[in-house]
Amino acid sequence: MVEIFHEALRPHCGRNRYDGGYTRWFPQSVHKRIVGGEESRVAEWPWLVSLQLKASDAEVRWNEGFGQPLKRFPGAMDELKKMSVDQLKAAIAQLRMRLKEYAPDQLSQFDIDDQSEQEMTKKEGHMCGGALISPYWILSAKHCFQKKHEPALSLDPDRWIAVLGEHHLKEPESHQTEYEIAQIIIYPDEPEEVNDPSILLNDIALIKLARPAVLDEFVQIACLPYPEEVFREDQLCSVAGWGLTEDEGVMSFIPQHVHIPLVPNPQCKSIYDTAPTSAVNITPSVLCAGDRNGKDSCQYDSGGPLLCRSAIDNQRVITGIVSYGLRCASAYPGIYTRVPHYIGWIRNIISHN
């Protein structure tokens, strides 16, 4: 599958239905968060993938058991979904008190063991972004699959689905398709990462779909850069995703995008030297991007692509992968995996799997 790296294919990737020249294949359509971003149009980023965790066994048991009676009452499940964690805990406490009062002999049926309780706290749904780089492969971030960063995460491909053609996370759409995942390959941890989970290096992963993606106006392939391709300092690049719309805020159900400048690594390092943490490591394998005007990627944007125009052919290519940062849209630039640095690794993984 190394053909995706062939130079002749660059003109045929990284295009959407709104780009000039694409209209001869796809009709125009008018559909009008990331922090400080603007709402993306349908299929504006057709290579953008939503990587979603499936419900755990405990969650399925809950839905089949306690959750089923609630469905008999119109709006009950909708009301529960609106409740905060604290409100849900209070509701459960009240239910247990009622059971203790009216059916004490049945109370034990509603006990939750430690393992099930831990499973019930696992998240489901959208967790990270990714970019389709061939009909079989998605490029994303390593930390999206590591339990040391979030107990709900997993390297087990059976726990995940990839949704292509996704736009509104909460509304099923005819142009979105769910794909099972066959394989998740992450860049191996360095020794310092093993010894200190707060350190994150080589934040890159490849996800193989169980079947090839069907390409259309809603699903397209993003362009990869050439090995060690260089991008201009202060160049404006684009990042999109369903992440938090503000630091410690809420997720956006519709993808948002922002245009942010690249920040030279020496400048980025000097900015982070003033940060109240020593976990940030500005190396040649990362790049920085962001401005001080409240625009940035944020949590749940992780793994999504940062796209810049190439000086070689003016193509929009994946320059970075959303990795981490110090708060969202702060004075500190966001840190991205520098994709040109890993083209050799990407080529090797895809050609041998």
Protein backbone atom coordinates (compact mmCIF):
# COMPACT_ATOMS: atom_id res chain seq x y z
CA MET A 1 0.00 0.00 0.00
CA VAL A 2 3.01 2.27 -0.39
CA GLU A 3 1.34 3.82 -3.43
CA ILE A 4 -0.24 6.47 -1.21
CA PHE A 5 3.20 8.05 -0.97
CA HIS A 6 3.64 8.37 -4.73
CA GLU A 7 4.18 12.00 -5.71
CA ALA A 8 1.69 11.75 -8.57
CA LEU A 9 -1.16 11.25 -6.09
CA ARG A 10 -0.65 14.58 -4.28
CA PRO A 11 -3.00 16.50 -6.62
CA HIS A 12 -5.79 14.01 -5.86
CA CYS A 13 -5.83 14.18 -2.07
CA GLY A 14 -6.62 16.90 0.42
CA ARG A 15 -9.55 18.30 -1.57
CA ASN A 16 -13.12 18.90 -0.45
CA ARG A 17 -16.40 19.65 -2.22
CA TYR A 18 -15.86 23.40 -1.73
CA ASP A 19 -12.43 23.58 -3.38
CA GLY A 20 -12.25 24.95 -6.90
CA GLY A 21 -12.12 22.22 -9.51
CA TYR A 22 -13.91 19.68 -7.35
CA THR A 23 -17.34 20.86 -8.42
CA ARG A 24 -17.12 18.92 -11.65
CA TRP A 25 -17.44 15.76 -9.51
CA PHE A 26 -19.54 16.95 -6.59
CA PRO A 27 -22.38 19.51 -6.58
CA GLN A 28 -22.07 22.55 -4.36
CA SER A 29 -24.03 22.47 -1.12
CA VAL A 30 -24.70 25.31 1.30
CA HIS A 31 -24.51 24.28 4.95
CA LYS A 32 -23.15 26.74 7.23
CA ARG A 33 -15.81 24.20 18.15
CA ILE A 34 -12.28 23.96 18.89
CA VAL A 35 -11.64 27.08 20.98
CA GLY A 36 -12.35 30.35 19.20
CA GLY A 37 -13.28 28.53 16.01
CA GLU A 38 -16.06 28.71 13.49
CA GLU A 39 -18.53 26.02 12.58
CA SER A 40 -17.43 23.78 9.72
CA ARG A 41 -19.63 23.03 6.74
CA VAL A 42 -20.72 19.48 5.93
CA ALA A 43 -17.80 17.64 4.28
CA GLU A 44 -15.49 20.64 4.63
CA TRP A 45 -12.91 18.27 6.16
CA PRO A 46 -13.85 14.95 4.47
CA TRP A 47 -10.73 13.16 5.77
CA LEU A 48 -11.59 13.98 9.40
CA VAL A 49 -12.47 10.85 11.39
CA SER A 50 -14.29 10.49 14.71
CA LEU A 51 -12.70 7.70 16.76
CA GLN A 52 -15.32 6.44 19.20
CA LEU A 53 -15.24 4.05 22.13
CA LYS A 54 -17.94 1.41 22.18
CA ALA A 55 -20.00 0.88 25.32
CA SER A 56 -18.35 -1.46 27.83
CA ASP A 57 -19.98 -4.75 28.86
CA ALA A 58 -21.13 -3.12 32.10
CA GLU A 59 -22.80 -0.30 30.21
CA VAL A 60 -24.55 -2.78 27.92
CA ARG A 61 -25.78 -4.74 30.96
CA TRP A 62 -27.08 -1.51 32.50
CA ASN A 63 -28.91 -0.55 29.32
CA GLU A 64 -30.45 -4.01 29.03
CA GLY A 65 -31.38 -4.10 32.71
CA PHE A 66 -32.03 -0.91 34.62
CA GLY A 67 -32.11 1.19 31.47
CA GLN A 68 -34.91 -0.74 29.75
CA PRO A 69 -37.72 0.12 32.23
CA LEU A 70 -36.82 3.80 31.92
CA LYS A 71 -37.60 3.66 28.20
CA ARG A 72 -41.24 3.01 29.08
CA PHE A 73 -41.48 6.55 30.40
CA PRO A 74 -41.35 9.18 27.61
CA GLY A 75 -38.40 11.51 28.01
CA ALA A 76 -36.89 9.68 30.98
CA MET A 77 -33.67 8.70 29.24
CA ASP A 78 -33.36 12.15 27.68
CA GLU A 79 -33.65 13.72 31.12
CA LEU A 80 -30.99 11.38 32.53
CA LYS A 81 -28.60 12.29 29.72
CA LYS A 82 -28.93 15.96 30.65
CA MET A 83 -27.96 15.33 34.28
CA SER A 84 -24.49 15.99 35.62
CA VAL A 85 -22.48 13.30 37.40
CA ASP A 86 -23.34 14.80 40.78
CA GLN A 87 -27.05 14.87 39.90
CA LEU A 88 -26.91 11.24 38.77
CA LYS A 89 -25.20 10.22 42.00
CA ALA A 90 -27.90 11.99 43.99
CA ALA A 91 -30.61 10.27 41.94
CA ILE A 92 -29.04 6.85 42.52
CA ALA A 93 -28.85 7.55 46.25
CA GLN A 94 -32.56 8.40 46.30
CA LEU A 95 -33.41 5.24 44.36
CA ARG A 96 -31.47 3.11 46.82
CA MET A 97 -33.27 4.77 49.75
CA ARG A 98 -36.65 4.02 48.14
CA LEU A 99 -35.63 0.41 47.52
CA LYS A 100 -34.40 0.05 51.09
CA GLU A 101 -37.76 1.33 52.32
CA TYR A 102 -40.11 -0.62 50.05
CA ALA A 103 -38.11 -3.67 48.86
CA PRO A 104 -35.13 -4.28 51.18
CA ASP A 105 -34.94 -7.94 50.17
CA GLN A 106 -34.27 -6.89 46.55
CA LEU A 107 -31.67 -4.24 47.30
CA SER A 108 -28.78 -6.65 46.79
CA GLN A 109 -29.83 -7.06 43.15
CA PHE A 110 -28.79 -3.46 42.56
CA ASP A 111 -25.39 -3.70 44.22
CA ILE A 112 -22.51 -2.92 41.90
CA ASP A 113 -19.18 -4.66 42.47
CA ASP A 114 -15.92 -2.71 42.22
CA GLN A 115 -15.06 -4.04 38.76
CA SER A 116 -18.49 -3.22 37.30
CA GLU A 117 -18.44 0.21 38.94
CA GLN A 118 -15.05 0.89 37.38
CA GLU A 119 -16.36 -0.28 33.99
CA MET A 120 -19.45 1.90 34.36
CA THR A 121 -17.23 4.97 34.69
CA LYS A 122 -15.66 4.28 31.32
CA LYS A 123 -16.54 6.71 28.63
CA GLU A 124 -18.10 5.92 25.30
CA GLY A 125 -18.59 7.86 22.12
CA HIS A 126 -16.21 10.35 20.52
CA MET A 127 -12.78 10.37 22.15
CA CYS A 128 -10.30 11.50 19.50
CA GLY A 129 -9.96 12.69 15.96
CA GLY A 130 -7.95 11.21 13.14
CA ALA A 131 -7.24 11.68 9.44
CA LEU A 132 -7.89 9.17 6.67
CA ILE A 133 -4.63 8.78 4.72
CA SER A 134 -5.60 5.78 2.57
CA PRO A 135 -8.74 3.66 2.17
CA TYR A 136 -7.48 1.40 4.97
CA TRP A 137 -5.47 3.67 7.27
CA ILE A 138 -6.13 6.50 9.73
CA LEU A 139 -3.44 8.70 11.27
CA SER A 140 -3.99 9.74 14.89
CA ALA A 141 -2.22 10.28 18.23
CA LYS A 142 -0.68 7.58 20.43
CA HIS A 143 -2.04 8.98 23.69
CA CYS A 144 -5.62 8.43 22.46
CA PHE A 145 -5.20 4.70 23.15
CA GLN A 146 -3.10 4.59 26.33
CA LYS A 147 -4.72 3.81 29.68
CA LYS A 148 -1.99 5.70 31.54
CA HIS A 149 -3.47 8.93 30.17
CA GLU A 150 -7.15 7.98 30.70
CA PRO A 151 -8.40 4.70 32.25
CA ALA A 152 -11.23 4.44 29.69
CA LEU A 153 -8.81 4.20 26.76
CA SER A 154 -7.76 0.94 25.18
CA LEU A 155 -5.40 -0.51 22.58
CA ASP A 156 -7.97 -3.22 21.87
CA PRO A 157 -9.37 -2.54 18.37
CA ASP A 158 -12.63 -4.28 19.33
CA ARG A 159 -13.35 -1.42 21.75
CA TRP A 160 -13.35 1.18 18.98
CA ILE A 161 -15.21 2.21 15.87
CA ALA A 162 -14.15 4.80 13.29
CA VAL A 163 -16.91 7.02 11.95
CA LEU A 164 -16.18 8.47 8.51
CA GLY A 165 -18.27 11.19 6.93
CA GLU A 166 -19.27 12.31 10.43
CA HIS A 167 -20.64 15.81 10.96
CA HIS A 168 -23.15 16.05 13.83
CA LEU A 169 -22.08 13.70 16.63
CA LYS A 170 -25.60 13.35 18.05
CA GLU A 171 -27.59 13.03 14.83
CA PRO A 172 -27.37 9.95 12.56
CA GLU A 173 -26.67 11.10 9.02
CA SER A 174 -26.96 9.26 5.72
CA HIS A 175 -23.43 10.25 4.71
CA GLN A 176 -21.69 8.84 7.80
CA THR A 177 -20.43 5.25 7.98
CA GLU A 178 -19.12 3.24 10.91
CA TYR A 179 -16.07 1.06 10.33
CA GLU A 180 -14.75 -1.68 12.58
CA ILE A 181 -11.06 -1.41 13.40
CA ALA A 182 -8.69 -4.28 12.67
CA GLN A 183 -5.45 -2.97 14.16
CA ILE A 184 -4.08 -0.13 16.29
CA ILE A 185 -0.34 0.49 16.03
CA ILE A 186 1.33 3.07 18.25
CA TYR A 187 4.88 4.35 18.16
CA PRO A 188 6.81 2.49 20.90
CA ASP A 189 7.27 4.31 24.19
CA GLU A 190 10.71 5.66 25.03
CA PRO A 191 12.21 4.60 28.42
CA GLU A 192 11.53 8.02 29.94
CA GLU A 193 7.84 7.70 28.99
CA VAL A 194 7.60 4.37 30.78
CA ASN A 195 9.18 5.80 33.92
CA ASP A 196 7.19 9.05 33.87
CA PRO A 197 3.63 8.93 32.42
CA SER A 198 3.52 12.74 32.28
CA ILE A 199 6.13 12.68 29.49
CA LEU A 200 4.70 12.20 26.00
CA LEU A 201 7.03 11.55 23.07
CA ASN A 202 6.44 10.31 19.51
CA ASP A 203 2.70 10.90 19.85
CA ILE A 204 1.61 9.13 16.69
CA ALA A 205 -0.55 6.11 15.90
CA LEU A 206 -1.90 4.29 12.86
CA ILE A 207 -5.33 2.65 12.83
CA LYS A 208 -6.19 0.04 10.21
CA LEU A 209 -9.82 -0.36 9.18
CA ALA A 210 -11.31 -3.83 8.87
CA ARG A 211 -12.55 -2.95 5.38
CA PRO A 212 -11.57 -0.21 2.93
CA ALA A 213 -13.32 3.13 3.20
CA VAL A 214 -15.68 4.04 0.38
CA LEU A 215 -14.61 7.42 -0.98
CA ASP A 216 -17.18 10.00 -2.02
CA GLU A 217 -17.86 13.70 -1.50
CA PHE A 218 -18.13 13.14 2.27
CA VAL A 219 -15.11 10.85 2.69
CA GLN A 220 -11.75 11.68 1.14
CA ILE A 221 -8.06 11.07 1.77
CA ALA A 222 -5.79 13.72 3.27
CA CYS A 223 -2.38 14.42 1.75
CA LEU A 224 0.76 13.42 3.62
CA PRO A 225 3.86 15.63 3.48
CA TYR A 226 7.07 14.62 1.83
CA PRO A 227 9.75 13.26 4.19
CA GLU A 228 11.18 16.10 6.28
CA GLU A 229 9.17 18.67 4.28
CA VAL A 230 9.62 22.14 5.78
CA PHE A 231 6.83 24.64 6.33
CA ARG A 232 7.21 28.38 6.66
CA GLU A 233 7.44 29.90 10.12
CA ASP A 234 4.33 31.90 11.05
CA GLN A 235 2.41 30.17 8.24
CA LEU A 236 -1.34 29.98 8.87
CA CYS A 237 -2.57 26.39 9.14
CA SER A 238 -5.96 24.83 9.88
CA VAL A 239 -7.14 22.42 12.55
CA ALA A 240 -10.67 21.05 12.97
CA GLY A 241 -12.46 18.81 15.42
CA TRP A 242 -15.29 18.16 17.85
CA GLY A 243 -13.28 19.11 20.93
CA LEU A 244 -14.07 21.41 23.83
CA THR A 245 -15.14 24.89 22.81
CA GLU A 246 -13.35 26.40 25.79
CA ASP A 247 -10.93 25.18 28.42
CA GLU A 248 -12.95 22.99 30.83
CA GLY A 249 -15.97 23.66 28.61
CA VAL A 250 -18.23 21.35 26.61
CA MET A 251 -17.73 19.39 23.42
CA SER A 252 -19.07 20.64 20.14
CA PHE A 253 -21.48 18.29 18.37
CA ILE A 254 -20.56 19.91 15.03
CA PRO A 255 -16.89 20.22 14.03
CA GLN A 256 -15.27 23.59 14.49
CA HIS A 257 -12.10 24.83 12.81
CA VAL A 258 -9.54 27.55 13.37
CA HIS A 259 -6.66 29.00 11.38
CA ILE A 260 -3.57 29.37 13.55
CA PRO A 261 0.07 30.27 12.82
CA LEU A 262 3.02 27.94 13.19
CA VAL A 263 5.35 28.99 16.00
CA PRO A 264 9.10 28.34 15.50
CA ASN A 265 10.40 25.71 17.91
CA PRO A 266 13.02 28.01 19.55
CA GLN A 267 10.32 30.61 20.24
CA CYS A 268 7.94 27.90 21.48
CA LYS A 269 10.61 26.54 23.81
CA SER A 270 11.32 29.97 25.27
CA ILE A 271 7.57 30.43 25.93
CA TYR A 272 7.28 27.06 27.65
CA ASP A 273 10.42 27.73 29.71
CA THR A 274 8.21 30.09 31.71
CA ALA A 275 5.49 27.45 32.22
CA PRO A 276 4.75 26.00 35.67
CA THR A 277 5.63 22.50 34.46
CA SER A 278 8.72 20.65 33.29
CA ALA A 279 6.84 17.94 31.36
CA VAL A 280 6.88 19.86 28.06
CA ASN A 281 9.70 18.79 25.76
CA ILE A 282 10.10 20.82 22.55
CA THR A 283 12.09 18.50 20.27
CA PRO A 284 12.57 18.36 16.47
CA SER A 285 9.80 15.72 16.36
CA VAL A 286 7.12 18.23 17.41
CA LEU A 287 5.92 21.57 16.12
CA CYS A 288 4.01 24.35 17.82
CA ALA A 289 1.04 26.34 16.58
CA GLY A 290 -1.41 28.83 18.04
CA ASP A 291 -1.95 32.48 18.73
CA ARG A 292 -2.85 34.65 21.70
CA ASN A 293 -6.29 35.55 20.39
CA GLY A 294 -8.15 32.68 22.02
CA LYS A 295 -7.84 30.19 19.14
CA ASP A 296 -6.57 26.67 19.72
CA SER A 297 -7.34 22.97 19.59
CA CYS A 298 -8.51 21.42 22.85
CA GLN A 299 -9.42 18.15 24.59
CA TYR A 300 -11.17 15.64 22.27
CA ASP A 301 -9.49 17.31 19.28
CA SER A 302 -6.50 15.04 20.02
CA GLY A 303 -5.32 12.97 17.08
CA GLY A 304 -6.84 15.32 14.53
CA PRO A 305 -4.75 16.77 11.70
CA LEU A 306 -3.14 20.20 11.49
CA LEU A 307 -3.16 21.07 7.79
CA CYS A 308 -0.80 23.54 6.10
CA ARG A 309 -0.31 24.55 2.48
CA SER A 310 2.83 23.07 0.97
CA ALA A 311 5.34 25.46 -0.59
CA ILE A 312 6.12 22.72 -3.12
CA ASP A 313 2.72 22.30 -4.78
CA ASN A 314 0.35 24.43 -2.68
CA GLN A 315 -1.48 21.29 -1.54
CA ARG A 316 -3.12 21.19 1.88
CA VAL A 317 -1.16 18.49 3.73
CA ILE A 318 -1.09 16.96 7.22
CA THR A 319 1.72 18.84 8.92
CA GLY A 320 0.91 17.98 12.52
CA ILE A 321 -1.22 15.80 14.79
CA VAL A 322 -3.00 17.41 17.76
CA SER A 323 -1.01 16.22 20.78
CA TYR A 324 -1.12 18.36 23.93
CA GLY A 325 -0.60 21.78 25.45
CA LEU A 326 -0.85 23.79 28.65
CA ARG A 327 -4.55 24.62 28.89
CA CYS A 328 -6.51 25.48 25.76
CA ALA A 329 -6.21 28.82 23.94
CA SER A 330 -3.78 30.09 26.57
CA ALA A 331 -0.59 32.10 26.08
CA TYR A 332 1.16 28.79 25.39
CA PRO A 333 1.07 27.37 21.83
CA GLY A 334 -0.43 23.97 21.19
CA ILE A 335 2.02 21.13 20.62
CA TYR A 336 1.63 18.87 17.59
CA THR A 337 3.45 15.77 16.37
CA ARG A 338 5.57 16.84 13.39
CA VAL A 339 4.31 14.46 10.68
CA PRO A 340 7.15 14.92 8.11
CA HIS A 341 9.50 13.54 10.78
CA TYR A 342 7.57 10.24 10.81
CA ILE A 343 6.94 9.56 7.11
CA GLY A 344 9.49 6.74 7.16
CA TRP A 345 7.75 5.09 10.12
CA ILE A 346 4.32 5.52 8.50
CA ARG A 347 5.56 4.04 5.23
CA ASN A 348 7.14 1.07 7.02
CA ILE A 349 4.04 0.25 9.10
CA ILE A 350 1.64 0.44 6.16
CA SER A 351 3.85 -1.54 3.79
CA HIS A 352 4.25 -4.39 6.32
CA ASN A 353 0.66 -4.58 7.54
